[in-house]
């Protein structure tokens, strides 16, 4: 098997295999040439099937400053 064939087979397995959520296939060069290796993904990294996306809601307008007028944006002791 050539490198290109191994990469194509690994891509096919990653896209179509029933265990693709818990395993990943890669092309690997060994003593006998190029092969496809299956790697088990750890529990936290398991790929879940695609789901529909959720759009973010528009943000609410910002509230007015609750501080008294004398304390709003005065800029410090050096403001003129």
PDB file of N, CA and C in Angstrom:
ATOM      1  N   UNK A   1       0.850  -1.163   0.000  1.00  0.00           N
ATOM      2  CA  UNK A   1       0.000   0.000   0.000  1.00  0.00           C
ATOM      3  C   UNK A   1       0.898   1.229   0.000  1.00  0.00           C
ATOM      4  N   UNK A   2       0.579   2.210  -0.818  1.00  0.00           N
ATOM      5  CA  UNK A   2       1.355   3.447  -0.864  1.00  0.00           C
ATOM      6  C   UNK A   2       0.847   4.407   0.207  1.00  0.00           C
ATOM      7  N   UNK A   3       1.614   5.478   0.410  1.00  0.00           N
ATOM      8  CA  UNK A   3       1.212   6.476   1.406  1.00  0.00           C
ATOM      9  C   UNK A   3      -0.128   7.101   1.037  1.00  0.00           C
ATOM     10  N   UNK A   4      -0.311   7.442  -0.231  1.00  0.00           N
ATOM     11  CA  UNK A   4      -1.554   8.061  -0.679  1.00  0.00           C
ATOM     12  C   UNK A   4      -2.742   7.128  -0.475  1.00  0.00           C
ATOM     13  N   UNK A   5      -2.553   5.845  -0.758  1.00  0.00           N
ATOM     14  CA  UNK A   5      -3.627   4.874  -0.561  1.00  0.00           C
ATOM     15  C   UNK A   5      -3.969   4.741   0.924  1.00  0.00           C
ATOM     16  N   UNK A   6      -2.951   4.707   1.769  1.00  0.00           N
ATOM     17  CA  UNK A   6      -3.185   4.593   3.211  1.00  0.00           C
ATOM     18  C   UNK A   6      -3.902   5.831   3.748  1.00  0.00           C
ATOM     19  N   UNK A   7      -3.515   7.012   3.284  1.00  0.00           N
ATOM     20  CA  UNK A   7      -4.179   8.235   3.726  1.00  0.00           C
ATOM     21  C   UNK A   7      -5.621   8.281   3.240  1.00  0.00           C
ATOM     22  N   UNK A   8      -5.862   7.834   2.010  1.00  0.00           N
ATOM     23  CA  UNK A   8      -7.227   7.806   1.483  1.00  0.00           C
ATOM     24  C   UNK A   8      -8.092   6.823   2.267  1.00  0.00           C
ATOM     25  N   UNK A   9      -7.544   5.658   2.592  1.00  0.00           N
ATOM     26  CA  UNK A   9      -8.298   4.660   3.359  1.00  0.00           C
ATOM     27  C   UNK A   9      -8.572   5.167   4.774  1.00  0.00           C
ATOM     28  N   UNK A  10      -7.597   5.826   5.395  1.00  0.00           N
ATOM     29  CA  UNK A  10      -7.797   6.385   6.732  1.00  0.00           C
ATOM     30  C   UNK A  10      -8.887   7.459   6.706  1.00  0.00           C
ATOM     31  N   UNK A  11      -8.881   8.314   5.690  1.00  0.00           N
ATOM     32  CA  UNK A  11      -9.916   9.343   5.570  1.00  0.00           C
ATOM     33  C   UNK A  11     -11.290   8.710   5.385  1.00  0.00           C
ATOM     34  N   UNK A  12     -11.355   7.644   4.590  1.00  0.00           N
ATOM     35  CA  UNK A  12     -12.621   6.945   4.375  1.00  0.00           C
ATOM     36  C   UNK A  12     -13.126   6.337   5.687  1.00  0.00           C
ATOM     37  N   UNK A  13     -12.248   5.692   6.438  1.00  0.00           N
ATOM     38  CA  UNK A  13     -12.648   5.100   7.714  1.00  0.00           C
ATOM     39  C   UNK A  13     -13.075   6.171   8.721  1.00  0.00           C
ATOM     40  N   UNK A  14     -12.369   7.299   8.756  1.00  0.00           N
ATOM     41  CA  UNK A  14     -12.737   8.385   9.663  1.00  0.00           C
ATOM     42  C   UNK A  14     -14.103   8.966   9.320  1.00  0.00           C
ATOM     43  N   UNK A  15     -14.504   8.896   8.058  1.00  0.00           N
ATOM     44  CA  UNK A  15     -15.788   9.455   7.639  1.00  0.00           C
ATOM     45  C   UNK A  15     -16.936   8.466   7.726  1.00  0.00           C
ATOM     46  N   UNK A  16     -16.669   7.159   7.526  1.00  0.00           N
ATOM     47  CA  UNK A  16     -17.759   6.212   7.353  1.00  0.00           C
ATOM     48  C   UNK A  16     -17.855   5.105   8.396  1.00  0.00           C
ATOM     49  N   UNK A  17     -16.806   4.822   9.122  1.00  0.00           N
ATOM     50  CA  UNK A  17     -16.809   3.659  10.019  1.00  0.00           C
ATOM     51  C   UNK A  17     -17.775   3.865  11.194  1.00  0.00           C
ATOM     52  N   UNK A  18     -18.498   2.820  11.626  1.00  0.00           N
ATOM     53  CA  UNK A  18     -19.438   2.965  12.747  1.00  0.00           C
ATOM     54  C   UNK A  18     -18.776   3.385  14.067  1.00  0.00           C
ATOM     55  N   UNK A  19     -17.498   3.094  14.250  1.00  0.00           N
ATOM     56  CA  UNK A  19     -16.802   3.452  15.487  1.00  0.00           C
ATOM     57  C   UNK A  19     -16.048   4.779  15.373  1.00  0.00           C
ATOM     58  N   UNK A  20     -16.386   5.605  14.388  1.00  0.00           N
ATOM     59  CA  UNK A  20     -15.637   6.843  14.169  1.00  0.00           C
ATOM     60  C   UNK A  20     -15.776   7.845  15.316  1.00  0.00           C
ATOM     61  N   UNK A  21     -16.804   7.706  16.166  1.00  0.00           N
ATOM     62  CA  UNK A  21     -16.948   8.623  17.297  1.00  0.00           C
ATOM     63  C   UNK A  21     -15.947   8.311  18.404  1.00  0.00           C
ATOM     64  N   UNK A  22     -15.498   7.067  18.502  1.00  0.00           N
ATOM     65  CA  UNK A  22     -14.597   6.691  19.590  1.00  0.00           C
ATOM     66  C   UNK A  22     -13.200   6.289  19.120  1.00  0.00           C
ATOM     67  N   UNK A  23     -12.973   6.239  17.796  1.00  0.00           N
ATOM     68  CA  UNK A  23     -11.667   5.856  17.254  1.00  0.00           C
ATOM     69  C   UNK A  23     -11.279   6.797  16.112  1.00  0.00           C
ATOM     70  N   UNK A  24      -9.979   6.858  15.844  1.00  0.00           N
ATOM     71  CA  UNK A  24      -9.445   7.668  14.750  1.00  0.00           C
ATOM     72  C   UNK A  24      -8.456   6.803  13.975  1.00  0.00           C
ATOM     73  N   UNK A  25      -8.473   6.886  12.664  1.00  0.00           N
ATOM     74  CA  UNK A  25      -7.564   6.100  11.826  1.00  0.00           C
ATOM     75  C   UNK A  25      -6.545   7.022  11.197  1.00  0.00           C
ATOM     76  N   UNK A  26      -5.285   6.547  11.153  1.00  0.00           N
ATOM     77  CA  UNK A  26      -4.193   7.320  10.562  1.00  0.00           C
ATOM     78  C   UNK A  26      -3.366   6.417   9.658  1.00  0.00           C
ATOM     79  N   UNK A  27      -2.674   7.039   8.695  1.00  0.00           N
ATOM     80  CA  UNK A  27      -1.721   6.307   7.853  1.00  0.00           C
ATOM     81  C   UNK A  27      -0.415   6.203   8.635  1.00  0.00           C
ATOM     82  N   UNK A  28       0.190   5.011   8.598  1.00  0.00           N
ATOM     83  CA  UNK A  28       1.405   4.771   9.388  1.00  0.00           C
ATOM     84  C   UNK A  28       2.411   3.984   8.561  1.00  0.00           C
ATOM     85  N   UNK A  29       3.670   4.402   8.622  1.00  0.00           N
ATOM     86  CA  UNK A  29       4.726   3.712   7.896  1.00  0.00           C
ATOM     87  C   UNK A  29       5.390   2.722   8.838  1.00  0.00           C
ATOM     88  N   UNK A  30       5.403   1.461   8.442  1.00  0.00           N
ATOM     89  CA  UNK A  30       6.011   0.425   9.270  1.00  0.00           C
ATOM     90  C   UNK A  30       7.038  -0.358   8.482  1.00  0.00           C
ATOM     91  N   UNK A  31       7.449  -1.485   9.017  1.00  0.00           N
ATOM     92  CA  UNK A  31       8.455  -2.328   8.378  1.00  0.00           C
ATOM     93  C   UNK A  31       7.943  -2.918   7.067  1.00  0.00           C
ATOM     94  N   UNK A  32       6.651  -3.148   6.982  1.00  0.00           N
ATOM     95  CA  UNK A  32       6.063  -3.749   5.776  1.00  0.00           C
ATOM     96  C   UNK A  32       5.485  -2.716   4.821  1.00  0.00           C
ATOM     97  N   UNK A  33       5.758  -1.456   5.043  1.00  0.00           N
ATOM     98  CA  UNK A  33       5.226  -0.401   4.182  1.00  0.00           C
ATOM     99  C   UNK A  33       4.145   0.388   4.906  1.00  0.00           C
ATOM    100  N   UNK A  34       3.300   1.040   4.132  1.00  0.00           N
ATOM    101  CA  UNK A  34       2.254   1.887   4.693  1.00  0.00           C
ATOM    102  C   UNK A  34       1.038   1.050   5.070  1.00  0.00           C
ATOM    103  N   UNK A  35       0.505   1.326   6.268  1.00  0.00           N
ATOM    104  CA  UNK A  35      -0.697   0.656   6.753  1.00  0.00           C
ATOM    105  C   UNK A  35      -1.610   1.700   7.391  1.00  0.00           C
ATOM    106  N   UNK A  36      -2.805   1.274   7.749  1.00  0.00           N
ATOM    107  CA  UNK A  36      -3.750   2.137   8.447  1.00  0.00           C
ATOM    108  C   UNK A  36      -3.844   1.648   9.885  1.00  0.00           C
ATOM    109  N   UNK A  37      -3.659   2.558  10.824  1.00  0.00           N
ATOM    110  CA  UNK A  37      -3.705   2.207  12.246  1.00  0.00           C
ATOM    111  C   UNK A  37      -4.936   2.836  12.890  1.00  0.00           C
ATOM    112  N   UNK A  38      -5.582   2.075  13.781  1.00  0.00           N
ATOM    113  CA  UNK A  38      -6.749   2.565  14.512  1.00  0.00           C
ATOM    114  C   UNK A  38      -6.304   2.993  15.900  1.00  0.00           C
ATOM    115  N   UNK A  39      -6.694   4.194  16.297  1.00  0.00           N
ATOM    116  CA  UNK A  39      -6.333   4.741  17.598  1.00  0.00           C
ATOM    117  C   UNK A  39      -7.619   4.998  18.376  1.00  0.00           C
ATOM    118  N   UNK A  40      -7.702   4.452  19.584  1.00  0.00           N
ATOM    119  CA  UNK A  40      -8.859   4.697  20.448  1.00  0.00           C
ATOM    120  C   UNK A  40      -8.711   6.073  21.088  1.00  0.00           C
ATOM    121  N   UNK A  41      -9.761   6.873  21.020  1.00  0.00           N
ATOM    122  CA  UNK A  41      -9.744   8.195  21.626  1.00  0.00           C
ATOM    123  C   UNK A  41     -10.113   8.088  23.103  1.00  0.00           C
ATOM    124  N   UNK A  42      -9.480   8.880  23.971  1.00  0.00           N
ATOM    125  CA  UNK A  42      -9.868   8.883  25.385  1.00  0.00           C
ATOM    126  C   UNK A  42     -11.313   9.345  25.541  1.00  0.00           C
ATOM    127  N   UNK A  43     -11.924   9.019  26.669  1.00  0.00           N
ATOM    128  CA  UNK A  43     -13.335   9.336  26.902  1.00  0.00           C
ATOM    129  C   UNK A  43     -13.647  10.811  26.675  1.00  0.00           C
ATOM    130  N   UNK A  44     -12.824  11.713  27.185  1.00  0.00           N
ATOM    131  CA  UNK A  44     -13.094  13.138  27.053  1.00  0.00           C
ATOM    132  C   UNK A  44     -12.939  13.672  25.645  1.00  0.00           C
ATOM    133  N   UNK A  45     -12.225  12.952  24.785  1.00  0.00           N
ATOM    134  CA  UNK A  45     -11.983  13.425  23.426  1.00  0.00           C
ATOM    135  C   UNK A  45     -12.854  12.735  22.387  1.00  0.00           C
ATOM    136  N   UNK A  46     -13.736  11.862  22.810  1.00  0.00           N
ATOM    137  CA  UNK A  46     -14.577  11.152  21.848  1.00  0.00           C
ATOM    138  C   UNK A  46     -15.399  12.158  21.054  1.00  0.00           C
ATOM    139  N   UNK A  47     -15.420  11.977  19.750  1.00  0.00           N
ATOM    140  CA  UNK A  47     -16.154  12.883  18.881  1.00  0.00           C
ATOM    141  C   UNK A  47     -17.620  12.483  18.855  1.00  0.00           C
ATOM    142  N   UNK A  48     -18.471  13.426  19.151  1.00  0.00           N
ATOM    143  CA  UNK A  48     -19.909  13.185  19.127  1.00  0.00           C
ATOM    144  C   UNK A  48     -20.428  13.440  17.715  1.00  0.00           C
ATOM    145  N   UNK A  49     -21.522  12.803  17.347  1.00  0.00           N
ATOM    146  CA  UNK A  49     -22.112  13.080  16.039  1.00  0.00           C
ATOM    147  C   UNK A  49     -22.515  14.548  15.933  1.00  0.00           C
ATOM    148  N   UNK A  50     -22.525  15.058  14.725  1.00  0.00           N
ATOM    149  CA  UNK A  50     -22.873  16.454  14.494  1.00  0.00           C
ATOM    150  C   UNK A  50     -24.320  16.708  14.906  1.00  0.00           C
ATOM    151  N   UNK A  51     -24.551  17.855  15.533  1.00  0.00           N
ATOM    152  CA  UNK A  51     -25.895  18.259  15.912  1.00  0.00           C
ATOM    153  C   UNK A  51     -26.182  19.619  15.297  1.00  0.00           C
ATOM    154  N   UNK A  52     -27.426  20.035  15.391  1.00  0.00           N
ATOM    155  CA  UNK A  52     -27.778  21.329  14.820  1.00  0.00           C
ATOM    156  C   UNK A  52     -27.126  22.440  15.643  1.00  0.00           C
ATOM    157  N   UNK A  53     -26.867  23.546  15.004  1.00  0.00           N
ATOM    158  CA  UNK A  53     -26.224  24.663  15.684  1.00  0.00           C
ATOM    159  C   UNK A  53     -27.265  25.513  16.394  1.00  0.00           C
ATOM    160  N   UNK A  54     -26.832  26.215  17.401  1.00  0.00           N
ATOM    161  CA  UNK A  54     -27.699  27.123  18.138  1.00  0.00           C
ATOM    162  C   UNK A  54     -27.180  28.531  17.919  1.00  0.00           C
ATOM    163  N   UNK A  55     -28.064  29.400  17.460  1.00  0.00           N
ATOM    164  CA  UNK A  55     -27.653  30.775  17.223  1.00  0.00           C
ATOM    165  C   UNK A  55     -27.732  31.562  18.522  1.00  0.00           C
ATOM    166  N   UNK A  56     -26.818  32.485  18.681  1.00  0.00           N
ATOM    167  CA  UNK A  56     -26.817  33.328  19.869  1.00  0.00           C
ATOM    168  C   UNK A  56     -27.907  34.389  19.748  1.00  0.00           C
ATOM    169  N   UNK A  57     -28.554  34.672  20.859  1.00  0.00           N
ATOM    170  CA  UNK A  57     -29.570  35.726  20.866  1.00  0.00           C
ATOM    171  C   UNK A  57     -28.875  37.080  20.881  1.00  0.00           C
ATOM    172  N   UNK A  58     -29.548  38.119  20.390  1.00  0.00           N
ATOM    173  CA  UNK A  58     -28.932  39.448  20.473  1.00  0.00           C
ATOM    174  C   UNK A  58     -28.766  39.861  21.937  1.00  0.00           C
ATOM    175  N   UNK A  59     -27.722  40.575  22.204  1.00  0.00           N
ATOM    176  CA  UNK A  59     -27.457  41.008  23.572  1.00  0.00           C
ATOM    177  C   UNK A  59     -28.422  42.129  23.948  1.00  0.00           C
ATOM    178  N   UNK A  60     -28.853  42.154  25.193  1.00  0.00           N
ATOM    179  CA  UNK A  60     -29.729  43.244  25.628  1.00  0.00           C
ATOM    180  C   UNK A  60     -28.938  44.547  25.696  1.00  0.00           C
ATOM    181  N   UNK A  61     -29.625  45.668  25.616  1.00  0.00           N
ATOM    182  CA  UNK A  61     -28.905  46.942  25.694  1.00  0.00           C
ATOM    183  C   UNK A  61     -28.272  47.102  27.081  1.00  0.00           C
ATOM    184  N   UNK A  62     -27.187  47.847  27.129  1.00  0.00           N
ATOM    185  CA  UNK A  62     -26.511  48.049  28.410  1.00  0.00           C
ATOM    186  C   UNK A  62     -27.348  48.971  29.294  1.00  0.00           C
ATOM    187  N   UNK A  63     -27.318  48.716  30.574  1.00  0.00           N
ATOM    188  CA  UNK A  63     -28.092  49.506  31.525  1.00  0.00           C
ATOM    189  C   UNK A  63     -27.412  50.849  31.760  1.00  0.00           C
ATOM    190  N   UNK A  64     -28.201  51.812  32.218  1.00  0.00           N
ATOM    191  CA  UNK A  64     -27.647  53.115  32.565  1.00  0.00           C
ATOM    192  C   UNK A  64     -26.760  52.968  33.794  1.00  0.00           C
ATOM    193  N   UNK A  65     -25.845  53.905  33.961  1.00  0.00           N
ATOM    194  CA  UNK A  65     -24.936  53.893  35.101  1.00  0.00           C
ATOM    195  C   UNK A  65     -25.732  54.197  36.371  1.00  0.00           C
ATOM    196  N   UNK A  66     -25.721  53.292  37.364  1.00  0.00           N
ATOM    197  CA  UNK A  66     -26.531  53.517  38.568  1.00  0.00           C
ATOM    198  C   UNK A  66     -25.909  54.494  39.571  1.00  0.00           C
ATOM    199  N   UNK A  67     -24.689  54.943  39.322  1.00  0.00           N
ATOM    200  CA  UNK A  67     -24.033  55.849  40.267  1.00  0.00           C
ATOM    201  C   UNK A  67     -24.635  57.255  40.178  1.00  0.00           C
ATOM    202  N   UNK A  68     -24.528  58.010  41.266  1.00  0.00           N
ATOM    203  CA  UNK A  68     -25.017  59.396  41.215  1.00  0.00           C
ATOM    204  C   UNK A  68     -24.214  60.211  40.195  1.00  0.00           C
ATOM    205  N   UNK A  69     -24.794  61.299  39.732  1.00  0.00           N
ATOM    206  CA  UNK A  69     -24.166  62.119  38.696  1.00  0.00           C
ATOM    207  C   UNK A  69     -22.807  62.639  39.149  1.00  0.00           C
ATOM    208  N   UNK A  70     -22.640  62.949  40.399  1.00  0.00           N
ATOM    209  CA  UNK A  70     -21.384  63.501  40.905  1.00  0.00           C
ATOM    210  C   UNK A  70     -20.248  62.481  40.845  1.00  0.00           C
ATOM    211  N   UNK A  71     -20.561  61.194  40.757  1.00  0.00           N
ATOM    212  CA  UNK A  71     -19.526  60.160  40.773  1.00  0.00           C
ATOM    213  C   UNK A  71     -19.284  59.522  39.405  1.00  0.00           C
ATOM    214  N   UNK A  72     -20.012  59.909  38.382  1.00  0.00           N
ATOM    215  CA  UNK A  72     -19.876  59.279  37.068  1.00  0.00           C
ATOM    216  C   UNK A  72     -18.714  59.872  36.285  1.00  0.00           C
ATOM    217  N   UNK A  73     -17.853  59.038  35.807  1.00  0.00           N
ATOM    218  CA  UNK A  73     -16.802  59.392  34.848  1.00  0.00           C
ATOM    219  C   UNK A  73     -16.146  60.737  35.135  1.00  0.00           C
ATOM    220  N   UNK A  74     -15.739  60.952  36.371  1.00  0.00           N
ATOM    221  CA  UNK A  74     -15.131  62.240  36.692  1.00  0.00           C
ATOM    222  C   UNK A  74     -13.665  62.295  36.301  1.00  0.00           C
ATOM    223  N   UNK A  75     -13.034  61.174  36.058  1.00  0.00           N
ATOM    224  CA  UNK A  75     -11.686  61.159  35.512  1.00  0.00           C
ATOM    225  C   UNK A  75     -10.573  61.299  36.519  1.00  0.00           C
ATOM    226  N   UNK A  76     -10.822  61.389  37.770  1.00  0.00           N
ATOM    227  CA  UNK A  76      -9.755  61.459  38.750  1.00  0.00           C
ATOM    228  C   UNK A  76      -9.498  62.876  39.223  1.00  0.00           C
ATOM    229  N   UNK A  77      -8.500  63.055  40.095  1.00  0.00           N
ATOM    230  CA  UNK A  77      -8.264  64.371  40.700  1.00  0.00           C
ATOM    231  C   UNK A  77      -7.668  65.389  39.731  1.00  0.00           C
ATOM    232  N   UNK A  78      -7.156  64.957  38.572  1.00  0.00           N
ATOM    233  CA  UNK A  78      -6.500  65.897  37.667  1.00  0.00           C
ATOM    234  C   UNK A  78      -7.386  66.306  36.508  1.00  0.00           C
ATOM    235  N   UNK A  79      -8.633  65.890  36.502  1.00  0.00           N
ATOM    236  CA  UNK A  79      -9.532  66.235  35.397  1.00  0.00           C
ATOM    237  C   UNK A  79      -9.893  67.708  35.480  1.00  0.00           C
ATOM    238  N   UNK A  80      -9.983  68.335  34.339  1.00  0.00           N
ATOM    239  CA  UNK A  80     -10.315  69.757  34.296  1.00  0.00           C
ATOM    240  C   UNK A  80     -11.731  69.931  33.826  1.00  0.00           C
TER     241      UNK A  80
END
